[in-house]
């Protein structure tokens, strides 16, 4: 920073200890991922989406999936066995895939 300031003001470097240094370029080595190794997933709902895809096939925009709460608890387990525990998954499916997930419960009619 001082070197740049001196060069801007005076057009030259006046102190020998402020000689310009050259940066050494470090080569970047890219890792190759073999096709047999699955990529790490970081999404919160990746396991749930994969379980629903295995049961219902590939998602198509506009698809409407109707599941009972009991079946959904087996596919995508939650600590709280209520329909409101799946609201995050319902919104995620709607926003990312355009898929509507309807959950039927015996308590709601």
N, C-alpha and C. Protein backbone atom coordinates (compact mmCIF):
# COMPACT_ATOMS: atom_id res chain seq x y z
N UNK A 1 0.82 -1.18 0.00
CA UNK A 1 0.00 0.00 0.00
C UNK A 1 0.87 1.25 0.00
N UNK A 2 1.91 1.26 0.84
CA UNK A 2 2.82 2.41 0.89
C UNK A 2 3.54 2.52 -0.44
N UNK A 3 3.91 1.38 -1.00
CA UNK A 3 4.61 1.37 -2.27
C UNK A 3 3.76 2.01 -3.36
N UNK A 4 2.50 1.70 -3.40
CA UNK A 4 1.59 2.28 -4.39
C UNK A 4 1.43 3.78 -4.17
N UNK A 5 1.34 4.19 -2.91
CA UNK A 5 1.21 5.60 -2.60
C UNK A 5 2.45 6.38 -3.03
N UNK A 6 3.64 5.86 -2.75
CA UNK A 6 4.88 6.53 -3.16
C UNK A 6 5.00 6.60 -4.67
N UNK A 7 4.63 5.52 -5.34
CA UNK A 7 4.70 5.52 -6.80
C UNK A 7 3.71 6.52 -7.38
N UNK A 8 2.54 6.65 -6.78
CA UNK A 8 1.54 7.59 -7.26
C UNK A 8 2.01 9.03 -7.05
N UNK A 9 2.56 9.31 -5.88
CA UNK A 9 2.98 10.67 -5.56
C UNK A 9 4.26 11.09 -6.27
N UNK A 10 5.26 10.23 -6.29
CA UNK A 10 6.56 10.64 -6.78
C UNK A 10 6.96 9.95 -8.07
N UNK A 11 6.26 8.95 -8.48
CA UNK A 11 6.58 8.27 -9.72
C UNK A 11 7.70 7.27 -9.58
N UNK A 12 8.30 7.16 -8.42
CA UNK A 12 9.39 6.22 -8.21
C UNK A 12 9.40 5.82 -6.74
N UNK A 13 10.12 4.76 -6.45
CA UNK A 13 10.27 4.32 -5.08
C UNK A 13 11.55 4.93 -4.55
N UNK A 14 11.48 5.65 -3.42
CA UNK A 14 12.65 6.33 -2.89
C UNK A 14 13.38 5.50 -1.85
N UNK A 15 12.75 4.52 -1.25
CA UNK A 15 13.39 3.72 -0.23
C UNK A 15 13.75 2.34 -0.80
N UNK A 16 14.98 1.89 -0.57
CA UNK A 16 15.37 0.59 -1.12
C UNK A 16 14.66 -0.58 -0.44
N UNK A 17 14.21 -0.40 0.80
CA UNK A 17 13.52 -1.51 1.46
C UNK A 17 12.10 -1.70 0.97
N UNK A 18 11.62 -0.78 0.12
CA UNK A 18 10.28 -0.90 -0.45
C UNK A 18 10.33 -1.34 -1.90
N UNK A 19 11.33 -2.15 -2.24
CA UNK A 19 11.44 -2.65 -3.60
C UNK A 19 10.20 -3.47 -3.94
N UNK A 20 9.73 -3.36 -5.15
CA UNK A 20 8.56 -4.16 -5.53
C UNK A 20 8.90 -5.65 -5.53
N UNK A 21 8.00 -6.43 -5.00
CA UNK A 21 8.18 -7.88 -4.98
C UNK A 21 7.26 -8.51 -6.00
N UNK A 22 7.72 -9.58 -6.54
CA UNK A 22 6.90 -10.29 -7.51
C UNK A 22 6.21 -11.45 -6.81
N UNK A 23 4.93 -11.60 -7.08
CA UNK A 23 4.18 -12.69 -6.47
C UNK A 23 4.36 -13.95 -7.29
N UNK A 24 4.51 -15.04 -6.60
CA UNK A 24 4.68 -16.33 -7.26
C UNK A 24 3.30 -16.95 -7.46
N UNK A 25 3.01 -17.31 -8.68
CA UNK A 25 1.72 -17.93 -8.98
C UNK A 25 1.73 -19.39 -8.56
N UNK A 26 0.75 -19.78 -7.79
CA UNK A 26 0.64 -21.16 -7.33
C UNK A 26 -0.31 -21.89 -8.27
N UNK A 27 0.13 -22.99 -8.85
CA UNK A 27 -0.77 -23.70 -9.77
C UNK A 27 -1.94 -24.31 -9.02
N UNK A 28 -3.09 -24.24 -9.64
CA UNK A 28 -4.31 -24.79 -9.05
C UNK A 28 -4.51 -26.19 -9.59
N UNK A 29 -4.63 -27.13 -8.68
CA UNK A 29 -4.85 -28.52 -9.06
C UNK A 29 -6.31 -28.85 -8.78
N UNK A 30 -7.02 -29.24 -9.82
CA UNK A 30 -8.43 -29.58 -9.66
C UNK A 30 -8.56 -31.07 -9.37
N UNK A 31 -9.41 -31.39 -8.41
CA UNK A 31 -9.66 -32.78 -8.09
C UNK A 31 -10.69 -33.34 -9.06
N UNK A 32 -10.42 -34.53 -9.50
CA UNK A 32 -11.40 -35.20 -10.34
C UNK A 32 -12.22 -36.13 -9.45
N UNK A 33 -13.51 -36.06 -9.62
CA UNK A 33 -14.40 -36.91 -8.84
C UNK A 33 -14.85 -38.05 -9.74
N UNK A 34 -14.58 -39.25 -9.28
CA UNK A 34 -14.96 -40.40 -10.10
C UNK A 34 -16.49 -40.53 -10.09
N UNK A 35 -17.06 -41.03 -11.17
CA UNK A 35 -18.51 -41.15 -11.24
C UNK A 35 -19.10 -42.12 -10.23
N UNK A 36 -18.29 -43.05 -9.70
CA UNK A 36 -18.83 -44.01 -8.76
C UNK A 36 -19.01 -43.42 -7.36
N UNK A 37 -18.31 -42.29 -7.08
CA UNK A 37 -18.42 -41.66 -5.77
C UNK A 37 -19.54 -40.62 -5.83
N UNK A 38 -20.57 -40.74 -4.99
CA UNK A 38 -21.65 -39.75 -5.03
C UNK A 38 -21.17 -38.40 -4.50
N UNK A 39 -21.70 -37.34 -5.06
CA UNK A 39 -21.35 -36.00 -4.61
C UNK A 39 -21.97 -35.75 -3.24
N UNK A 40 -21.27 -35.03 -2.36
CA UNK A 40 -21.85 -34.75 -1.05
C UNK A 40 -23.05 -33.83 -1.19
N UNK A 41 -24.10 -34.13 -0.45
CA UNK A 41 -25.30 -33.30 -0.49
C UNK A 41 -25.34 -32.45 0.77
N UNK A 42 -25.72 -31.21 0.58
CA UNK A 42 -25.77 -30.29 1.71
C UNK A 42 -27.17 -29.77 1.95
N UNK A 43 -28.11 -30.15 1.10
CA UNK A 43 -29.46 -29.66 1.26
C UNK A 43 -30.18 -30.31 2.43
N UNK A 44 -31.04 -29.55 3.04
CA UNK A 44 -31.77 -30.03 4.20
C UNK A 44 -32.79 -31.11 3.83
N UNK A 45 -33.37 -31.00 2.65
CA UNK A 45 -34.44 -31.90 2.25
C UNK A 45 -34.02 -32.90 1.18
N UNK A 46 -32.72 -33.08 0.96
CA UNK A 46 -32.27 -33.97 -0.11
C UNK A 46 -32.72 -35.41 0.11
N UNK A 47 -32.64 -35.91 1.32
CA UNK A 47 -33.05 -37.29 1.59
C UNK A 47 -34.56 -37.45 1.39
N UNK A 48 -35.32 -36.44 1.80
CA UNK A 48 -36.78 -36.51 1.63
C UNK A 48 -37.16 -36.48 0.15
N UNK A 49 -36.51 -35.61 -0.61
CA UNK A 49 -36.80 -35.51 -2.04
C UNK A 49 -36.43 -36.81 -2.74
N UNK A 50 -35.30 -37.40 -2.37
CA UNK A 50 -34.88 -38.66 -2.98
C UNK A 50 -35.87 -39.79 -2.66
N UNK A 51 -36.37 -39.82 -1.43
CA UNK A 51 -37.35 -40.86 -1.06
C UNK A 51 -38.65 -40.68 -1.85
N UNK A 52 -39.09 -39.44 -2.02
CA UNK A 52 -40.31 -39.19 -2.79
C UNK A 52 -40.10 -39.51 -4.27
N UNK A 53 -38.92 -39.22 -4.80
CA UNK A 53 -38.63 -39.56 -6.20
C UNK A 53 -38.60 -41.06 -6.42
N UNK A 54 -38.09 -41.79 -5.45
CA UNK A 54 -38.06 -43.24 -5.60
C UNK A 54 -39.47 -43.82 -5.64
N UNK A 55 -40.38 -43.22 -4.91
CA UNK A 55 -41.75 -43.74 -4.87
C UNK A 55 -42.59 -43.25 -6.05
N UNK A 56 -42.44 -41.96 -6.42
CA UNK A 56 -43.32 -41.37 -7.44
C UNK A 56 -42.64 -41.11 -8.78
N UNK A 57 -41.37 -41.43 -8.93
CA UNK A 57 -40.68 -41.18 -10.20
C UNK A 57 -40.17 -39.75 -10.25
N UNK A 58 -39.68 -39.36 -11.42
CA UNK A 58 -39.15 -38.01 -11.58
C UNK A 58 -40.23 -36.95 -11.42
N UNK A 59 -39.81 -35.82 -10.88
CA UNK A 59 -40.76 -34.73 -10.67
C UNK A 59 -40.95 -33.94 -11.96
N UNK A 60 -42.18 -33.64 -12.26
CA UNK A 60 -42.54 -32.80 -13.39
C UNK A 60 -43.25 -31.59 -12.82
N UNK A 61 -42.97 -30.42 -13.37
CA UNK A 61 -43.62 -29.22 -12.88
C UNK A 61 -45.13 -29.36 -12.99
N UNK A 62 -45.82 -29.06 -11.91
CA UNK A 62 -47.27 -29.18 -11.87
C UNK A 62 -47.74 -30.50 -11.28
N UNK A 63 -46.82 -31.38 -10.93
CA UNK A 63 -47.17 -32.66 -10.34
C UNK A 63 -47.78 -32.43 -8.96
N UNK A 64 -48.82 -33.17 -8.64
CA UNK A 64 -49.46 -33.09 -7.33
C UNK A 64 -49.36 -34.46 -6.67
N UNK A 65 -48.69 -34.50 -5.53
CA UNK A 65 -48.50 -35.75 -4.80
C UNK A 65 -49.40 -35.72 -3.57
N UNK A 66 -50.21 -36.76 -3.41
CA UNK A 66 -51.04 -36.88 -2.21
C UNK A 66 -50.55 -38.06 -1.41
N UNK A 67 -50.19 -37.79 -0.17
CA UNK A 67 -49.68 -38.83 0.73
C UNK A 67 -50.43 -38.74 2.04
N UNK A 68 -50.62 -39.89 2.68
CA UNK A 68 -51.17 -39.86 4.03
C UNK A 68 -50.03 -39.56 5.00
N UNK A 69 -50.37 -39.06 6.14
CA UNK A 69 -49.36 -38.72 7.14
C UNK A 69 -48.59 -39.96 7.57
N UNK A 70 -49.27 -41.08 7.68
CA UNK A 70 -48.61 -42.32 8.10
C UNK A 70 -47.58 -42.78 7.07
N UNK A 71 -47.92 -42.70 5.79
CA UNK A 71 -46.97 -43.09 4.74
C UNK A 71 -45.79 -42.13 4.68
N UNK A 72 -46.07 -40.85 4.86
CA UNK A 72 -45.01 -39.84 4.80
C UNK A 72 -44.06 -39.97 5.98
N UNK A 73 -44.57 -40.38 7.13
CA UNK A 73 -43.70 -40.60 8.29
C UNK A 73 -42.74 -41.76 8.06
N UNK A 74 -43.16 -42.73 7.26
CA UNK A 74 -42.27 -43.85 6.92
C UNK A 74 -41.22 -43.40 5.91
N UNK A 75 -41.64 -42.63 4.89
CA UNK A 75 -40.72 -42.17 3.85
C UNK A 75 -39.75 -41.11 4.37
N UNK A 76 -40.28 -40.13 5.08
CA UNK A 76 -39.50 -38.99 5.55
C UNK A 76 -39.75 -38.82 7.04
N UNK A 77 -39.02 -39.53 7.88
CA UNK A 77 -39.31 -39.50 9.32
C UNK A 77 -39.07 -38.12 9.94
N UNK A 78 -39.92 -37.77 10.90
CA UNK A 78 -39.81 -36.52 11.65
C UNK A 78 -40.00 -36.84 13.13
N UNK A 79 -39.49 -35.96 13.99
CA UNK A 79 -39.66 -36.14 15.43
C UNK A 79 -41.10 -35.86 15.85
N UNK A 80 -41.72 -34.91 15.19
CA UNK A 80 -43.09 -34.53 15.52
C UNK A 80 -44.04 -35.10 14.47
N UNK A 81 -44.87 -36.07 14.82
CA UNK A 81 -45.73 -36.73 13.82
C UNK A 81 -46.99 -35.92 13.50
N UNK A 82 -46.83 -34.74 12.98
CA UNK A 82 -47.97 -33.89 12.60
C UNK A 82 -47.71 -33.31 11.22
N UNK A 83 -48.76 -32.87 10.58
CA UNK A 83 -48.61 -32.33 9.23
C UNK A 83 -47.80 -31.05 9.20
N UNK A 84 -47.83 -30.26 10.28
CA UNK A 84 -47.08 -29.00 10.26
C UNK A 84 -45.56 -29.24 10.32
N UNK A 85 -45.11 -30.44 10.65
CA UNK A 85 -43.68 -30.75 10.63
C UNK A 85 -43.15 -30.83 9.20
N UNK A 86 -44.06 -30.96 8.23
CA UNK A 86 -43.66 -31.09 6.83
C UNK A 86 -43.86 -29.80 6.03
N UNK A 87 -44.18 -28.70 6.66
CA UNK A 87 -44.44 -27.47 5.92
C UNK A 87 -43.20 -26.96 5.18
N UNK A 88 -42.03 -27.15 5.78
CA UNK A 88 -40.79 -26.75 5.10
C UNK A 88 -40.56 -27.56 3.84
N UNK A 89 -40.81 -28.86 3.92
CA UNK A 89 -40.67 -29.72 2.74
C UNK A 89 -41.69 -29.35 1.67
N UNK A 90 -42.92 -29.06 2.08
CA UNK A 90 -43.97 -28.68 1.13
C UNK A 90 -43.56 -27.41 0.39
N UNK A 91 -43.06 -26.39 1.13
CA UNK A 91 -42.65 -25.14 0.47
C UNK A 91 -41.43 -25.35 -0.42
N UNK A 92 -40.48 -26.19 0.03
CA UNK A 92 -39.28 -26.46 -0.76
C UNK A 92 -39.65 -27.13 -2.08
N UNK A 93 -40.52 -28.13 -2.04
CA UNK A 93 -40.94 -28.81 -3.26
C UNK A 93 -41.65 -27.86 -4.21
N UNK A 94 -42.47 -26.98 -3.67
CA UNK A 94 -43.21 -26.03 -4.51
C UNK A 94 -42.26 -25.03 -5.16
N UNK A 95 -41.32 -24.50 -4.40
CA UNK A 95 -40.45 -23.45 -4.94
C UNK A 95 -39.37 -24.00 -5.88
N UNK A 96 -38.79 -25.16 -5.54
CA UNK A 96 -37.68 -25.68 -6.33
C UNK A 96 -38.14 -26.52 -7.53
N UNK A 97 -39.19 -27.30 -7.37
CA UNK A 97 -39.59 -28.23 -8.42
C UNK A 97 -40.97 -27.94 -9.01
N UNK A 98 -41.75 -27.08 -8.38
CA UNK A 98 -43.10 -26.82 -8.86
C UNK A 98 -44.03 -27.99 -8.57
N UNK A 99 -43.73 -28.75 -7.52
CA UNK A 99 -44.51 -29.93 -7.16
C UNK A 99 -45.32 -29.60 -5.91
N UNK A 100 -46.60 -29.96 -5.93
CA UNK A 100 -47.47 -29.73 -4.78
C UNK A 100 -47.58 -31.02 -3.99
N UNK A 101 -47.29 -30.93 -2.70
CA UNK A 101 -47.41 -32.08 -1.81
C UNK A 101 -48.58 -31.86 -0.88
N UNK A 102 -49.61 -32.70 -1.01
CA UNK A 102 -50.78 -32.65 -0.12
C UNK A 102 -50.67 -33.78 0.88
N UNK A 103 -50.81 -33.44 2.14
CA UNK A 103 -50.71 -34.44 3.20
C UNK A 103 -52.09 -34.65 3.80
N UNK A 104 -52.56 -35.89 3.76
CA UNK A 104 -53.87 -36.21 4.32
C UNK A 104 -53.67 -36.75 5.73
N UNK A 105 -54.50 -36.27 6.63
CA UNK A 105 -54.43 -36.71 8.01
C UNK A 105 -55.81 -37.16 8.43
N UNK A 106 -55.88 -38.10 9.34
CA UNK A 106 -57.18 -38.56 9.82
C UNK A 106 -57.85 -37.50 10.68
N UNK A 107 -57.07 -36.63 11.30
CA UNK A 107 -57.64 -35.62 12.17
C UNK A 107 -58.22 -34.43 11.41
N UNK A 108 -57.65 -34.17 10.21
CA UNK A 108 -58.18 -33.07 9.41
C UNK A 108 -59.08 -33.63 8.32
N UNK A 109 -60.18 -32.97 8.10
CA UNK A 109 -61.09 -33.45 7.06
C UNK A 109 -61.38 -32.39 6.05
